[in-house]
PDB file of all heavy atoms in Angstrom:
ATOM      1  N   TYR A   1     106.315  82.312  86.168  1.00  0.00           N
ATOM      2  CA  TYR A   1     105.221  81.565  85.570  1.00  0.00           C
ATOM      3  C   TYR A   1     103.882  82.312  85.754  1.00  0.00           C
ATOM      4  O   TYR A   1     103.700  83.003  86.781  1.00  0.00           O
ATOM      5  CB  TYR A   1     105.048  80.199  86.276  1.00  0.00           C
ATOM      6  CG  TYR A   1     106.135  79.205  86.061  1.00  0.00           C
ATOM      7  CD1 TYR A   1     107.177  79.007  86.987  1.00  0.00           C
ATOM      8  CD2 TYR A   1     106.138  78.433  84.891  1.00  0.00           C
ATOM      9  CE1 TYR A   1     108.179  78.069  86.782  1.00  0.00           C
ATOM     10  CE2 TYR A   1     107.153  77.472  84.701  1.00  0.00           C
ATOM     11  CZ  TYR A   1     108.134  77.318  85.647  1.00  0.00           C
ATOM     12  OH  TYR A   1     109.153  76.363  85.422  1.00  0.00           O
ATOM     13  N   VAL A   2     103.032  82.191  84.717  1.00  0.00           N
ATOM     14  CA  VAL A   2     101.649  82.728  84.842  1.00  0.00           C
ATOM     15  C   VAL A   2     100.742  81.607  84.441  1.00  0.00           C
ATOM     16  O   VAL A   2     100.892  81.053  83.347  1.00  0.00           O
ATOM     17  CB  VAL A   2     101.432  83.993  83.952  1.00  0.00           C
ATOM     18  CG1 VAL A   2     100.026  84.487  84.111  1.00  0.00           C
ATOM     19  CG2 VAL A   2     102.461  85.042  84.261  1.00  0.00           C
ATOM     20  N   ARG A   3      99.821  81.267  85.324  1.00  0.00           N
ATOM     21  CA  ARG A   3      98.874  80.171  85.008  1.00  0.00           C
ATOM     22  C   ARG A   3      97.478  80.783  84.787  1.00  0.00           C
ATOM     23  O   ARG A   3      96.945  81.517  85.665  1.00  0.00           O
ATOM     24  CB  ARG A   3      98.813  79.194  86.183  1.00  0.00           C
ATOM     25  CG  ARG A   3      97.705  78.091  86.109  1.00  0.00           C
ATOM     26  CD  ARG A   3      98.101  77.005  85.139  1.00  0.00           C
ATOM     27  NE  ARG A   3      97.099  75.973  85.078  1.00  0.00           N
ATOM     28  CZ  ARG A   3      97.101  74.883  85.776  1.00  0.00           C
ATOM     29  NH1 ARG A   3      98.112  74.643  86.617  1.00  0.00           N
ATOM     30  NH2 ARG A   3      96.186  73.955  85.639  1.00  0.00           N
ATOM     31  N   TYR A   4      96.892  80.514  83.638  1.00  0.00           N
ATOM     32  CA  TYR A   4      95.576  81.003  83.261  1.00  0.00           C
ATOM     33  C   TYR A   4      94.512  79.912  83.498  1.00  0.00           C
ATOM     34  O   TYR A   4      94.853  78.724  83.614  1.00  0.00           O
ATOM     35  CB  TYR A   4      95.509  81.508  81.829  1.00  0.00           C
ATOM     36  CG  TYR A   4      96.268  82.763  81.579  1.00  0.00           C
ATOM     37  CD1 TYR A   4      97.622  82.771  81.166  1.00  0.00           C
ATOM     38  CD2 TYR A   4      95.665  84.036  81.794  1.00  0.00           C
ATOM     39  CE1 TYR A   4      98.263  83.998  80.966  1.00  0.00           C
ATOM     40  CE2 TYR A   4      96.356  85.196  81.582  1.00  0.00           C
ATOM     41  CZ  TYR A   4      97.646  85.189  81.191  1.00  0.00           C
ATOM     42  OH  TYR A   4      98.325  86.335  80.973  1.00  0.00           O
ATOM     43  N   LEU A   5      93.225  80.326  83.484  1.00  0.00           N
ATOM     44  CA  LEU A   5      92.169  79.283  83.652  1.00  0.00           C
ATOM     45  C   LEU A   5      91.901  78.572  82.316  1.00  0.00           C
ATOM     46  O   LEU A   5      91.462  77.456  82.345  1.00  0.00           O
ATOM     47  CB  LEU A   5      90.904  80.025  84.116  1.00  0.00           C
ATOM     48  CG  LEU A   5      90.949  80.597  85.537  1.00  0.00           C
ATOM     49  CD1 LEU A   5      89.642  81.228  85.867  1.00  0.00           C
ATOM     50  CD2 LEU A   5      91.256  79.501  86.545  1.00  0.00           C
ATOM     51  N   LYS A   6      92.176  79.271  81.196  1.00  0.00           N
ATOM     52  CA  LYS A   6      91.812  78.642  79.880  1.00  0.00           C
ATOM     53  C   LYS A   6      93.049  78.633  78.966  1.00  0.00           C
ATOM     54  O   LYS A   6      93.831  79.600  78.985  1.00  0.00           O
ATOM     55  CB  LYS A   6      90.709  79.418  79.208  1.00  0.00           C
ATOM     56  CG  LYS A   6      89.393  79.400  79.945  1.00  0.00           C
ATOM     57  CD  LYS A   6      88.357  80.233  79.200  1.00  0.00           C
ATOM     58  CE  LYS A   6      87.020  80.276  79.977  1.00  0.00           C
ATOM     59  NZ  LYS A   6      85.990  81.042  79.228  1.00  0.00           N
ATOM     60  N   PRO A   7      93.210  77.627  78.129  1.00  0.00           N
ATOM     61  CA  PRO A   7      94.289  77.589  77.135  1.00  0.00           C
ATOM     62  C   PRO A   7      94.278  78.798  76.231  1.00  0.00           C
ATOM     63  O   PRO A   7      95.325  79.309  75.786  1.00  0.00           O
ATOM     64  CB  PRO A   7      94.089  76.268  76.404  1.00  0.00           C
ATOM     65  CG  PRO A   7      93.317  75.406  77.321  1.00  0.00           C
ATOM     66  CD  PRO A   7      92.416  76.337  78.094  1.00  0.00           C
ATOM     67  N   SER A   8      93.058  79.254  75.822  1.00  0.00           N
ATOM     68  CA  SER A   8      92.940  80.338  74.902  1.00  0.00           C
ATOM     69  C   SER A   8      93.543  81.626  75.449  1.00  0.00           C
ATOM     70  O   SER A   8      94.100  82.464  74.780  1.00  0.00           O
ATOM     71  CB  SER A   8      91.499  80.563  74.508  1.00  0.00           C
ATOM     72  OG  SER A   8      90.690  80.838  75.667  1.00  0.00           O
ATOM     73  N   GLN A   9      93.436  81.752  76.814  1.00  0.00           N
ATOM     74  CA  GLN A   9      93.978  82.955  77.470  1.00  0.00           C
ATOM     75  C   GLN A   9      95.542  82.907  77.468  1.00  0.00           C
ATOM     76  O   GLN A   9      96.175  83.905  77.231  1.00  0.00           O
ATOM     77  CB  GLN A   9      93.419  83.048  78.909  1.00  0.00           C
ATOM     78  CG  GLN A   9      91.922  83.271  78.958  1.00  0.00           C
ATOM     79  CD  GLN A   9      91.358  83.031  80.294  1.00  0.00           C
ATOM     80  OE1 GLN A   9      91.948  82.448  81.212  1.00  0.00           O
ATOM     81  NE2 GLN A   9      90.109  83.579  80.501  1.00  0.00           N
ATOM     82  N   ALA A  10      96.025  81.707  77.717  1.00  0.00           N
ATOM     83  CA  ALA A  10      97.507  81.538  77.698  1.00  0.00           C
ATOM     84  C   ALA A  10      98.059  81.826  76.282  1.00  0.00           C
ATOM     85  O   ALA A  10      99.109  82.487  76.114  1.00  0.00           O
ATOM     86  CB  ALA A  10      97.922  80.152  78.186  1.00  0.00           C
ATOM     87  N   ALA A  11      97.306  81.298  75.304  1.00  0.00           N
ATOM     88  CA  ALA A  11      97.750  81.487  73.911  1.00  0.00           C
ATOM     89  C   ALA A  11      97.701  82.989  73.555  1.00  0.00           C
ATOM     90  O   ALA A  11      98.603  83.518  72.850  1.00  0.00           O
ATOM     91  CB  ALA A  11      96.804  80.725  72.976  1.00  0.00           C
ATOM     92  N   ARG A  12      96.701  83.678  73.996  1.00  0.00           N
ATOM     93  CA  ARG A  12      96.569  85.112  73.732  1.00  0.00           C
ATOM     94  C   ARG A  12      97.718  85.907  74.372  1.00  0.00           C
ATOM     95  O   ARG A  12      98.307  86.803  73.783  1.00  0.00           O
ATOM     96  CB  ARG A  12      95.240  85.642  74.216  1.00  0.00           C
ATOM     97  CG  ARG A  12      95.021  87.122  73.865  1.00  0.00           C
ATOM     98  CD  ARG A  12      93.756  87.693  74.459  1.00  0.00           C
ATOM     99  NE  ARG A  12      93.654  89.118  74.264  1.00  0.00           N
ATOM    100  CZ  ARG A  12      92.957  89.964  74.968  1.00  0.00           C
ATOM    101  NH1 ARG A  12      92.207  89.532  75.972  1.00  0.00           N
ATOM    102  NH2 ARG A  12      92.957  91.235  74.732  1.00  0.00           N
ATOM    103  N   ALA A  13      98.112  85.529  75.616  1.00  0.00           N
ATOM    104  CA  ALA A  13      99.192  86.178  76.274  1.00  0.00           C
ATOM    105  C   ALA A  13     100.504  85.983  75.531  1.00  0.00           C
ATOM    106  O   ALA A  13     101.251  86.941  75.349  1.00  0.00           O
ATOM    107  CB  ALA A  13      99.313  85.611  77.731  1.00  0.00           C
ATOM    108  N   ILE A  14     100.750  84.794  75.047  1.00  0.00           N
ATOM    109  CA  ILE A  14     101.976  84.506  74.287  1.00  0.00           C
ATOM    110  C   ILE A  14     102.003  85.335  73.003  1.00  0.00           C
ATOM    111  O   ILE A  14     102.967  85.895  72.579  1.00  0.00           O
ATOM    112  CB  ILE A  14     102.071  82.998  73.980  1.00  0.00           C
ATOM    113  CG1 ILE A  14     102.373  82.241  75.258  1.00  0.00           C
ATOM    114  CG2 ILE A  14     103.160  82.708  72.950  1.00  0.00           C
ATOM    115  CD1 ILE A  14     102.370  80.728  75.089  1.00  0.00           C
ATOM    116  N   GLU A  15     100.812  85.406  72.355  1.00  0.00           N
ATOM    117  CA  GLU A  15     100.665  86.080  71.099  1.00  0.00           C
ATOM    118  C   GLU A  15     100.815  87.584  71.242  1.00  0.00           C
ATOM    119  O   GLU A  15     101.500  88.246  70.429  1.00  0.00           O
ATOM    120  CB  GLU A  15      99.290  85.780  70.489  1.00  0.00           C
ATOM    121  CG  GLU A  15      98.924  86.523  69.224  1.00  0.00           C
ATOM    122  CD  GLU A  15      99.472  85.869  67.966  1.00  0.00           C
ATOM    123  OE1 GLU A  15      99.916  84.679  68.107  1.00  0.00           O
ATOM    124  OE2 GLU A  15      99.452  86.505  66.930  1.00  0.00           O
ATOM    125  N   GLU A  16     100.241  88.206  72.274  1.00  0.00           N
ATOM    126  CA  GLU A  16     100.130  89.650  72.323  1.00  0.00           C
ATOM    127  C   GLU A  16     101.064  90.352  73.269  1.00  0.00           C
ATOM    128  O   GLU A  16     101.198  91.551  73.191  1.00  0.00           O
ATOM    129  CB  GLU A  16      98.662  89.997  72.654  1.00  0.00           C
ATOM    130  CG  GLU A  16      97.662  89.520  71.601  1.00  0.00           C
ATOM    131  CD  GLU A  16      96.204  89.912  71.966  1.00  0.00           C
ATOM    132  OE1 GLU A  16      96.048  90.715  72.910  1.00  0.00           O
ATOM    133  OE2 GLU A  16      95.332  89.435  71.258  1.00  0.00           O
ATOM    134  N   CYS A  17     101.700  89.675  74.195  1.00  0.00           N
ATOM    135  CA  CYS A  17     102.537  90.360  75.178  1.00  0.00           C
ATOM    136  C   CYS A  17     103.801  90.834  74.484  1.00  0.00           C
ATOM    137  O   CYS A  17     104.188  90.416  73.402  1.00  0.00           O
ATOM    138  CB  CYS A  17     102.902  89.442  76.336  1.00  0.00           C
ATOM    139  SG  CYS A  17     104.154  88.130  75.960  1.00  0.00           S
ATOM    140  N   ASP A  18     104.455  91.810  75.174  1.00  0.00           N
ATOM    141  CA  ASP A  18     105.687  92.380  74.575  1.00  0.00           C
ATOM    142  C   ASP A  18     106.709  91.302  74.350  1.00  0.00           C
ATOM    143  O   ASP A  18     106.893  90.412  75.179  1.00  0.00           O
ATOM    144  CB  ASP A  18     106.251  93.432  75.555  1.00  0.00           C
ATOM    145  CG  ASP A  18     107.339  94.286  74.936  1.00  0.00           C
ATOM    146  OD1 ASP A  18     108.459  93.773  74.875  1.00  0.00           O
ATOM    147  OD2 ASP A  18     107.050  95.376  74.485  1.00  0.00           O
ATOM    148  N   ARG A  19     107.447  91.390  73.230  1.00  0.00           N
ATOM    149  CA  ARG A  19     108.412  90.323  72.916  1.00  0.00           C
ATOM    150  C   ARG A  19     109.544  90.251  73.919  1.00  0.00           C
ATOM    151  O   ARG A  19     110.226  89.205  73.987  1.00  0.00           O
ATOM    152  CB  ARG A  19     108.986  90.623  71.527  1.00  0.00           C
ATOM    153  CG  ARG A  19     108.021  90.394  70.373  1.00  0.00           C
ATOM    154  CD  ARG A  19     108.658  90.477  69.048  1.00  0.00           C
ATOM    155  NE  ARG A  19     109.652  89.434  68.809  1.00  0.00           N
ATOM    156  CZ  ARG A  19     110.393  89.378  67.727  1.00  0.00           C
ATOM    157  NH1 ARG A  19     110.297  90.206  66.782  1.00  0.00           N
ATOM    158  NH2 ARG A  19     111.278  88.371  67.561  1.00  0.00           N
ATOM    159  N   SER A  20     109.768  91.300  74.668  1.00  0.00           N
ATOM    160  CA  SER A  20     110.854  91.254  75.711  1.00  0.00           C
ATOM    161  C   SER A  20     110.620  90.187  76.786  1.00  0.00           C
ATOM    162  O   SER A  20     111.500  89.731  77.420  1.00  0.00           O
ATOM    163  CB  SER A  20     110.986  92.631  76.365  1.00  0.00           C
ATOM    164  OG  SER A  20     109.832  92.961  77.048  1.00  0.00           O
ATOM    165  N   PHE A  21     109.306  89.786  76.952  1.00  0.00           N
ATOM    166  CA  PHE A  21     108.975  88.766  77.905  1.00  0.00           C
ATOM    167  C   PHE A  21     109.331  87.365  77.419  1.00  0.00           C
ATOM    168  O   PHE A  21     109.437  86.418  78.229  1.00  0.00           O
ATOM    169  CB  PHE A  21     107.499  88.812  78.259  1.00  0.00           C
ATOM    170  CG  PHE A  21     107.074  89.981  79.106  1.00  0.00           C
ATOM    171  CD1 PHE A  21     106.234  90.951  78.568  1.00  0.00           C
ATOM    172  CD2 PHE A  21     107.532  90.137  80.365  1.00  0.00           C
ATOM    173  CE1 PHE A  21     105.874  92.088  79.295  1.00  0.00           C
ATOM    174  CE2 PHE A  21     107.144  91.263  81.144  1.00  0.00           C
ATOM    175  CZ  PHE A  21     106.310  92.228  80.615  1.00  0.00           C
ATOM    176  N   ARG A  22     109.519  87.215  76.128  1.00  0.00           N
ATOM    177  CA  ARG A  22     109.894  85.912  75.508  1.00  0.00           C
ATOM    178  C   ARG A  22     109.007  84.761  76.031  1.00  0.00           C
ATOM    179  O   ARG A  22     109.492  83.763  76.487  1.00  0.00           O
ATOM    180  CB  ARG A  22     111.410  85.593  75.764  1.00  0.00           C
ATOM    181  CG  ARG A  22     112.319  86.640  75.137  1.00  0.00           C
ATOM    182  CD  ARG A  22     113.741  86.219  75.194  1.00  0.00           C
ATOM    183  NE  ARG A  22     114.664  87.177  74.623  1.00  0.00           N
ATOM    184  CZ  ARG A  22     114.903  87.193  73.297  1.00  0.00           C
ATOM    185  NH1 ARG A  22     114.377  86.355  72.457  1.00  0.00           N
ATOM    186  NH2 ARG A  22     115.802  88.097  72.816  1.00  0.00           N
ATOM    187  N   ALA A  23     107.694  85.008  76.032  1.00  0.00           N
ATOM    188  CA  ALA A  23     106.761  84.048  76.623  1.00  0.00           C
ATOM    189  C   ALA A  23     106.667  82.777  75.776  1.00  0.00           C
ATOM    190  O   ALA A  23     106.597  82.809  74.536  1.00  0.00           O
ATOM    191  CB  ALA A  23     105.403  84.726  76.699  1.00  0.00           C
ATOM    192  N   ILE A  24     106.639  81.637  76.480  1.00  0.00           N
ATOM    193  CA  ILE A  24     106.417  80.315  75.838  1.00  0.00           C
ATOM    194  C   ILE A  24     105.528  79.506  76.762  1.00  0.00           C
ATOM    195  O   ILE A  24     105.376  79.814  77.968  1.00  0.00           O
ATOM    196  CB  ILE A  24     107.723  79.579  75.553  1.00  0.00           C
ATOM    197  CG1 ILE A  24     108.436  79.255  76.862  1.00  0.00           C
ATOM    198  CG2 ILE A  24     108.602  80.332  74.605  1.00  0.00           C
ATOM    199  CD1 ILE A  24     109.646  78.326  76.686  1.00  0.00           C
ATOM    200  N   LEU A  25     104.991  78.420  76.232  1.00  0.00           N
ATOM    201  CA  LEU A  25     104.270  77.464  77.101  1.00  0.00           C
ATOM    202  C   LEU A  25     105.289  76.758  77.995  1.00  0.00           C
ATOM    203  O   LEU A  25     106.382  76.372  77.619  1.00  0.00           O
ATOM    204  CB  LEU A  25     103.555  76.429  76.287  1.00  0.00           C
ATOM    205  CG  LEU A  25     102.282  76.919  75.560  1.00  0.00           C
ATOM    206  CD1 LEU A  25     101.756  75.810  74.593  1.00  0.00           C
ATOM    207  CD2 LEU A  25     101.168  77.269  76.559  1.00  0.00           C
ATOM    208  N   ALA A  26     104.902  76.668  79.293  1.00  0.00           N
ATOM    209  CA  ALA A  26     105.838  76.063  80.282  1.00  0.00           C
ATOM    210  C   ALA A  26     105.835  74.578  80.183  1.00  0.00           C
ATOM    211  O   ALA A  26     104.867  73.941  79.764  1.00  0.00           O
ATOM    212  CB  ALA A  26     105.392  76.487  81.684  1.00  0.00           C
ATOM    213  N   GLU A  27     106.947  73.943  80.604  1.00  0.00           N
ATOM    214  CA  GLU A  27     107.026  72.491  80.684  1.00  0.00           C
ATOM    215  C   GLU A  27     106.119  72.020  81.795  1.00  0.00           C
ATOM    216  O   GLU A  27     105.820  72.765  82.752  1.00  0.00           O
ATOM    217  CB  GLU A  27     108.455  72.049  80.982  1.00  0.00           C
ATOM    218  CG  GLU A  27     109.436  72.286  79.882  1.00  0.00           C
ATOM    219  CD  GLU A  27     109.282  71.268  78.794  1.00  0.00           C
ATOM    220  OE1 GLU A  27     108.660  70.225  79.022  1.00  0.00           O
ATOM    221  OE2 GLU A  27     109.739  71.521  77.680  1.00  0.00           O
ATOM    222  N   PRO A  28     105.560  70.750  81.665  1.00  0.00           N
ATOM    223  CA  PRO A  28     104.791  70.188  82.775  1.00  0.00           C
ATOM    224  C   PRO A  28     105.583  70.190  84.070  1.00  0.00           C
ATOM    225  O   PRO A  28     106.787  70.094  84.108  1.00  0.00           O
ATOM    226  CB  PRO A  28     104.466  68.745  82.317  1.00  0.00           C
ATOM    227  CG  PRO A  28     104.637  68.808  80.831  1.00  0.00           C
ATOM    228  CD  PRO A  28     105.700  69.847  80.537  1.00  0.00           C
ATOM    229  N   LYS A  29     104.840  70.336  85.196  1.00  0.00           N
ATOM    230  CA  LYS A  29     105.491  70.428  86.472  1.00  0.00           C
ATOM    231  C   LYS A  29     106.287  69.142  86.844  1.00  0.00           C
ATOM    232  O   LYS A  29     107.234  69.233  87.644  1.00  0.00           O
ATOM    233  CB  LYS A  29     104.434  70.648  87.588  1.00  0.00           C
ATOM    234  CG  LYS A  29     103.818  72.043  87.503  1.00  0.00           C
ATOM    235  CD  LYS A  29     102.822  72.212  88.694  1.00  0.00           C
ATOM    236  CE  LYS A  29     102.252  73.600  88.639  1.00  0.00           C
ATOM    237  NZ  LYS A  29     101.286  73.833  89.734  1.00  0.00           N
ATOM    238  N   ASN A  30     105.966  68.037  86.250  1.00  0.00           N
ATOM    239  CA  ASN A  30     106.650  66.824  86.606  1.00  0.00           C
ATOM    240  C   ASN A  30     108.033  66.706  85.944  1.00  0.00           C
ATOM    241  O   ASN A  30     108.778  65.784  86.162  1.00  0.00           O
ATOM    242  CB  ASN A  30     105.794  65.589  86.295  1.00  0.00           C
ATOM    243  CG  ASN A  30     105.465  65.494  84.839  1.00  0.00           C
ATOM    244  OD1 ASN A  30     105.840  66.337  84.054  1.00  0.00           O
ATOM    245  ND2 ASN A  30     104.613  64.497  84.474  1.00  0.00           N
ATOM    246  N   LYS A  31     108.340  67.671  85.064  1.00  0.00           N
ATOM    247  CA  LYS A  31     109.638  67.693  84.428  1.00  0.00           C
ATOM    248  C   LYS A  31     110.583  68.567  85.224  1.00  0.00           C
ATOM    249  O   LYS A  31     110.199  69.411  86.019  1.00  0.00           O
ATOM    250  CB  LYS A  31     109.538  68.187  82.955  1.00  0.00           C
ATOM    251  CG  LYS A  31     108.808  67.261  82.044  1.00  0.00           C
ATOM    252  CD  LYS A  31     108.979  67.678  80.590  1.00  0.00           C
ATOM    253  CE  LYS A  31     108.254  66.697  79.680  1.00  0.00           C
ATOM    254  NZ  LYS A  31     108.400  67.091  78.248  1.00  0.00           N
ATOM    255  N   SER A  32     111.860  68.424  85.015  1.00  0.00           N
ATOM    256  CA  SER A  32     112.876  69.156  85.782  1.00  0.00           C
ATOM    257  C   SER A  32     112.804  70.625  85.436  1.00  0.00           C
ATOM    258  O   SER A  32     113.039  71.029  84.315  1.00  0.00           O
ATOM    259  CB  SER A  32     114.284  68.617  85.436  1.00  0.00           C
ATOM    260  OG  SER A  32     115.292  69.479  85.963  1.00  0.00           O
ATOM    261  N   SER A  33     112.455  71.453  86.424  1.00  0.00           N
ATOM    262  CA  SER A  33     112.360  72.903  86.218  1.00  0.00           C
ATOM    263  C   SER A  33     113.695  73.537  85.938  1.00  0.00           C
ATOM    264  O   SER A  33     113.818  74.465  85.151  1.00  0.00           O
ATOM    265  CB  SER A  33     111.695  73.585  87.388  1.00  0.00           C
ATOM    266  OG  SER A  33     112.428  73.395  88.597  1.00  0.00           O
ATOM    267  N   GLU A  34     114.790  73.018  86.561  1.00  0.00           N
ATOM    268  CA  GLU A  34     116.085  73.628  86.425  1.00  0.00           C
ATOM    269  C   GLU A  34     116.588  73.359  84.969  1.00  0.00           C
ATOM    270  O   GLU A  34     117.151  74.289  84.369  1.00  0.00           O
ATOM    271  CB  GLU A  34     117.053  73.037  87.465  1.00  0.00           C
ATOM    272  CG  GLU A  34     116.783  73.562  88.837  1.00  0.00           C
ATOM    273  CD  GLU A  34     117.905  73.098  89.817  1.00  0.00           C
ATOM    274  OE1 GLU A  34     118.856  72.482  89.348  1.00  0.00           O
ATOM    275  OE2 GLU A  34     117.745  73.383  90.984  1.00  0.00           O
ATOM    276  N   SER A  35     116.363  72.148  84.406  1.00  0.00           N
ATOM    277  CA  SER A  35     116.797  71.925  83.065  1.00  0.00           C
ATOM    278  C   SER A  35     116.042  72.720  82.073  1.00  0.00           C
ATOM    279  O   SER A  35     116.501  73.237  81.096  1.00  0.00           O
ATOM    280  CB  SER A  35     116.709  70.447  82.731  1.00  0.00           C
ATOM    281  OG  SER A  35     115.352  69.996  82.744  1.00  0.00           O
ATOM    282  N   PHE A  36     114.735  72.941  82.402  1.00  0.00           N
ATOM    283  CA  PHE A  36     113.874  73.761  81.491  1.00  0.00           C
ATOM    284  C   PHE A  36     114.327  75.237  81.518  1.00  0.00           C
ATOM    285  O   PHE A  36     114.466  75.850  80.482  1.00  0.00           O
ATOM    286  CB  PHE A  36     112.430  73.681  82.011  1.00  0.00           C
ATOM    287  CG  PHE A  36     111.499  74.542  81.208  1.00  0.00           C
ATOM    288  CD1 PHE A  36     111.378  74.458  79.842  1.00  0.00           C
ATOM    289  CD2 PHE A  36     110.681  75.462  81.840  1.00  0.00           C
ATOM    290  CE1 PHE A  36     110.503  75.247  79.112  1.00  0.00           C
ATOM    291  CE2 PHE A  36     109.782  76.268  81.141  1.00  0.00           C
ATOM    292  CZ  PHE A  36     109.724  76.159  79.766  1.00  0.00           C
ATOM    293  N   GLU A  37     114.711  75.740  82.709  1.00  0.00           N
ATOM    294  CA  GLU A  37     115.201  77.092  82.816  1.00  0.00           C
ATOM    295  C   GLU A  37     116.516  77.255  82.029  1.00  0.00           C
ATOM    296  O   GLU A  37     116.717  78.225  81.311  1.00  0.00           O
ATOM    297  CB  GLU A  37     115.463  77.451  84.265  1.00  0.00           C
ATOM    298  CG  GLU A  37     114.198  77.606  85.120  1.00  0.00           C
ATOM    299  CD  GLU A  37     114.524  77.636  86.589  1.00  0.00           C
ATOM    300  OE1 GLU A  37     115.637  78.114  86.952  1.00  0.00           O
ATOM    301  OE2 GLU A  37     113.678  77.208  87.407  1.00  0.00           O
ATOM    302  N   HIS A  38     117.375  76.201  82.140  1.00  0.00           N
ATOM    303  CA  HIS A  38     118.658  76.280  81.419  1.00  0.00           C
ATOM    304  C   HIS A  38     118.421  76.321  79.903  1.00  0.00           C
ATOM    305  O   HIS A  38     119.034  77.094  79.190  1.00  0.00           O
ATOM    306  CB  HIS A  38     119.490  75.063  81.794  1.00  0.00           C
ATOM    307  CG  HIS A  38     120.839  74.984  81.119  1.00  0.00           C
ATOM    308  ND1 HIS A  38     121.001  74.357  79.889  1.00  0.00           N
ATOM    309  CD2 HIS A  38     122.056  75.540  81.365  1.00  0.00           C
ATOM    310  CE1 HIS A  38     122.174  74.448  79.473  1.00  0.00           C
ATOM    311  NE2 HIS A  38     122.912  75.169  80.349  1.00  0.00           N
ATOM    312  N   ASP A  39     117.558  75.403  79.421  1.00  0.00           N
ATOM    313  CA  ASP A  39     117.284  75.361  78.002  1.00  0.00           C
ATOM    314  C   ASP A  39     116.644  76.663  77.534  1.00  0.00           C
ATOM    315  O   ASP A  39     116.945  77.162  76.445  1.00  0.00           O
ATOM    316  CB  ASP A  39     116.289  74.212  77.695  1.00  0.00           C
ATOM    317  CG  ASP A  39     116.971  72.852  77.859  1.00  0.00           C
ATOM    318  OD1 ASP A  39     118.210  72.814  77.942  1.00  0.00           O
ATOM    319  OD2 ASP A  39     116.254  71.856  77.974  1.00  0.00           O
ATOM    320  N   TYR A  40     115.761  77.232  78.332  1.00  0.00           N
ATOM    321  CA  TYR A  40     115.085  78.473  78.005  1.00  0.00           C
ATOM    322  C   TYR A  40     116.096  79.603  77.864  1.00  0.00           C
ATOM    323  O   TYR A  40     116.079  80.354  76.872  1.00  0.00           O
ATOM    324  CB  TYR A  40     114.059  78.801  79.077  1.00  0.00           C
ATOM    325  CG  TYR A  40     113.316  80.079  78.879  1.00  0.00           C
ATOM    326  CD1 TYR A  40     112.205  80.120  78.010  1.00  0.00           C
ATOM    327  CD2 TYR A  40     113.691  81.258  79.504  1.00  0.00           C
ATOM    328  CE1 TYR A  40     111.503  81.301  77.842  1.00  0.00           C
ATOM    329  CE2 TYR A  40     113.003  82.423  79.334  1.00  0.00           C
ATOM    330  CZ  TYR A  40     111.892  82.463  78.484  1.00  0.00           C
ATOM    331  OH  TYR A  40     111.234  83.612  78.317  1.00  0.00           O
TER     332      TYR A  40
END
């Protein structure tokens, strides 16, 4: 996980980082992290 201070920074990271990182917005912390990892 990478947490930025601003949504625009997170959006830029998803947009511009190497595709091998397969970056997406993370699920909220109150959701099951294990099920999110499995789906991912």
